[in-house]
Amino acid sequence: MLSWELNQQQLSLTGTLDKQTSMQLWEQRKQFISKEINILNLDLSALTRLDSAGLATIIALFRELKRHQIGFKIQAESQQVRDLAKVSGVLDLLPFKA
């Protein structure tokens, strides 16, 4: 199960972002693309599971926001997120917040 909360410029994901739940997030992406938002901070601290489909959805969301000239930062990511990004070869592509 996946849930999310959009509060101003922060999108917080809770639960599982995987093959079964990724489409839910992708279908709602238009609500994250707003002329009032100049950067979207993605908070992954409450994710309990992330698989390659979930990571692919995060990358697609990043590219979609970039296309609309909206900045994107990933914050509060777990070691699991970084490890999956590393083995997938996309660690340097994703904008992890220091």
C-alpha atoms as a PDB file:
ATOM      1  CA  MET A   1       0.000   0.000   0.000  1.00  0.00           C
ATOM      2  CA  LEU A   2       1.216   3.472  -0.858  1.00  0.00           C
ATOM      3  CA  SER A   3      -0.011   6.808   0.371  1.00  0.00           C
ATOM      4  CA  TRP A   4       1.320  10.292  -0.153  1.00  0.00           C
ATOM      5  CA  GLU A   5       0.822  13.793   1.097  1.00  0.00           C
ATOM      6  CA  LEU A   6       1.597  16.925  -0.874  1.00  0.00           C
ATOM      7  CA  ASN A   7       2.219  19.890   1.387  1.00  0.00           C
ATOM      8  CA  GLN A   8       3.345  22.977  -0.488  1.00  0.00           C
ATOM      9  CA  GLN A   9       6.615  21.861  -2.084  1.00  0.00           C
ATOM     10  CA  GLN A  10       7.060  18.565  -0.233  1.00  0.00           C
ATOM     11  CA  LEU A  11       5.738  15.220  -1.394  1.00  0.00           C
ATOM     12  CA  SER A  12       5.952  12.615   1.366  1.00  0.00           C
ATOM     13  CA  LEU A  13       5.571   8.956   0.420  1.00  0.00           C
ATOM     14  CA  THR A  14       4.492   6.352   2.970  1.00  0.00           C
ATOM     15  CA  GLY A  15       4.381   2.580   2.612  1.00  0.00           C
ATOM     16  CA  THR A  16       5.490   0.539  -0.372  1.00  0.00           C
ATOM     17  CA  LEU A  17       6.518   1.886  -3.769  1.00  0.00           C
ATOM     18  CA  ASP A  18       6.761  -1.171  -5.982  1.00  0.00           C
ATOM     19  CA  LYS A  19       5.396  -2.750  -9.135  1.00  0.00           C
ATOM     20  CA  GLN A  20       1.873  -2.883  -7.683  1.00  0.00           C
ATOM     21  CA  THR A  21       1.741   0.706  -6.390  1.00  0.00           C
ATOM     22  CA  SER A  22       3.910   2.683  -8.834  1.00  0.00           C
ATOM     23  CA  MET A  23       1.078   3.263 -11.293  1.00  0.00           C
ATOM     24  CA  GLN A  24      -1.007   4.933  -8.568  1.00  0.00           C
ATOM     25  CA  LEU A  25       1.705   7.531  -8.035  1.00  0.00           C
ATOM     26  CA  TRP A  26       2.337   7.997 -11.759  1.00  0.00           C
ATOM     27  CA  GLU A  27      -1.356   8.553 -12.506  1.00  0.00           C
ATOM     28  CA  GLN A  28      -1.456  11.360  -9.918  1.00  0.00           C
ATOM     29  CA  ARG A  29       1.669  13.139 -11.164  1.00  0.00           C
ATOM     30  CA  LYS A  30      -0.268  16.067 -12.646  1.00  0.00           C
ATOM     31  CA  GLN A  31      -1.200  17.276  -9.182  1.00  0.00           C
ATOM     32  CA  PHE A  32       2.539  17.523  -8.399  1.00  0.00           C
ATOM     33  CA  ILE A  33       3.133  19.711 -11.454  1.00  0.00           C
ATOM     34  CA  SER A  34       1.967  23.181 -10.628  1.00  0.00           C
ATOM     35  CA  LYS A  35       2.983  26.643 -11.687  1.00  0.00           C
ATOM     36  CA  GLU A  36       3.122  27.527  -7.970  1.00  0.00           C
ATOM     37  CA  ILE A  37       5.790  24.896  -7.283  1.00  0.00           C
ATOM     38  CA  ASN A  38       9.328  25.697  -8.400  1.00  0.00           C
ATOM     39  CA  ILE A  39      10.923  22.708  -6.652  1.00  0.00           C
ATOM     40  CA  LEU A  40       9.479  19.451  -5.362  1.00  0.00           C
ATOM     41  CA  ASN A  41      11.145  17.836  -2.363  1.00  0.00           C
ATOM     42  CA  LEU A  42      10.462  14.115  -2.301  1.00  0.00           C
ATOM     43  CA  ASP A  43      10.555  12.721   1.251  1.00  0.00           C
ATOM     44  CA  LEU A  44      11.164   8.972   1.265  1.00  0.00           C
ATOM     45  CA  SER A  45      11.720   8.579   5.021  1.00  0.00           C
ATOM     46  CA  ALA A  46       8.435   6.699   5.545  1.00  0.00           C
ATOM     47  CA  LEU A  47       8.868   4.245   2.663  1.00  0.00           C
ATOM     48  CA  THR A  48       9.035   0.696   3.954  1.00  0.00           C
ATOM     49  CA  ARG A  49       9.825  -0.919   0.603  1.00  0.00           C
ATOM     50  CA  LEU A  50      11.104   0.214  -2.776  1.00  0.00           C
ATOM     51  CA  ASP A  51      11.752  -2.024  -5.779  1.00  0.00           C
ATOM     52  CA  SER A  52      13.096  -1.324  -9.264  1.00  0.00           C
ATOM     53  CA  ALA A  53       9.636  -0.389 -10.579  1.00  0.00           C
ATOM     54  CA  GLY A  54       9.302   2.167  -7.782  1.00  0.00           C
ATOM     55  CA  LEU A  55      12.737   3.543  -8.553  1.00  0.00           C
ATOM     56  CA  ALA A  56      11.811   3.780 -12.236  1.00  0.00           C
ATOM     57  CA  THR A  57       8.703   5.762 -11.247  1.00  0.00           C
ATOM     58  CA  ILE A  58      10.815   8.194  -9.212  1.00  0.00           C
ATOM     59  CA  ILE A  59      13.132   8.655 -12.214  1.00  0.00           C
ATOM     60  CA  ALA A  60      10.161   9.205 -14.549  1.00  0.00           C
ATOM     61  CA  LEU A  61       8.690  11.749 -12.125  1.00  0.00           C
ATOM     62  CA  PHE A  62      12.071  13.515 -11.972  1.00  0.00           C
ATOM     63  CA  ARG A  63      12.195  13.717 -15.776  1.00  0.00           C
ATOM     64  CA  GLU A  64       8.580  14.909 -16.010  1.00  0.00           C
ATOM     65  CA  LEU A  65       9.211  17.691 -13.486  1.00  0.00           C
ATOM     66  CA  LYS A  66      12.423  18.666 -15.275  1.00  0.00           C
ATOM     67  CA  ARG A  67      10.483  18.904 -18.530  1.00  0.00           C
ATOM     68  CA  HIS A  68       8.165  21.402 -16.788  1.00  0.00           C
ATOM     69  CA  GLN A  69      11.179  23.292 -15.387  1.00  0.00           C
ATOM     70  CA  ILE A  70      10.408  22.261 -11.808  1.00  0.00           C
ATOM     71  CA  GLY A  71      13.333  21.376  -9.568  1.00  0.00           C
ATOM     72  CA  PHE A  72      13.432  18.039  -7.774  1.00  0.00           C
ATOM     73  CA  LYS A  73      15.285  16.891  -4.649  1.00  0.00           C
ATOM     74  CA  ILE A  74      15.148  13.592  -2.807  1.00  0.00           C
ATOM     75  CA  GLN A  75      15.466  13.891   0.936  1.00  0.00           C
ATOM     76  CA  ALA A  76      15.406  11.536   3.898  1.00  0.00           C
ATOM     77  CA  GLU A  77      16.183   8.574   1.697  1.00  0.00           C
ATOM     78  CA  SER A  78      17.192   5.310   3.291  1.00  0.00           C
ATOM     79  CA  GLN A  79      20.300   3.315   2.587  1.00  0.00           C
ATOM     80  CA  GLN A  80      18.015   0.902   0.708  1.00  0.00           C
ATOM     81  CA  VAL A  81      17.109   3.690  -1.740  1.00  0.00           C
ATOM     82  CA  ARG A  82      20.750   4.613  -2.311  1.00  0.00           C
ATOM     83  CA  ASP A  83      21.785   0.963  -2.678  1.00  0.00           C
ATOM     84  CA  LEU A  84      19.050   0.273  -5.226  1.00  0.00           C
ATOM     85  CA  ALA A  85      19.969   3.430  -7.159  1.00  0.00           C
ATOM     86  CA  LYS A  86      23.629   2.395  -7.096  1.00  0.00           C
ATOM     87  CA  VAL A  87      23.124  -1.163  -8.356  1.00  0.00           C
ATOM     88  CA  SER A  88      20.705   0.178 -10.976  1.00  0.00           C
ATOM     89  CA  GLY A  89      23.340   2.609 -12.222  1.00  0.00           C
ATOM     90  CA  VAL A  90      21.279   5.745 -11.558  1.00  0.00           C
ATOM     91  CA  LEU A  91      22.774   7.017  -8.302  1.00  0.00           C
ATOM     92  CA  ASP A  92      24.431   9.968 -10.047  1.00  0.00           C
ATOM     93  CA  LEU A  93      21.282  10.765 -12.021  1.00  0.00           C
ATOM     94  CA  LEU A  94      19.041  11.288  -8.998  1.00  0.00           C
ATOM     95  CA  PRO A  95      19.240  14.571  -7.069  1.00  0.00           C
ATOM     96  CA  PHE A  96      19.766  13.367  -3.500  1.00  0.00           C
ATOM     97  CA  LYS A  97      19.713  16.229  -1.027  1.00  0.00           C
ATOM     98  CA  ALA A  98      22.901  16.447   1.003  1.00  0.00           C
END
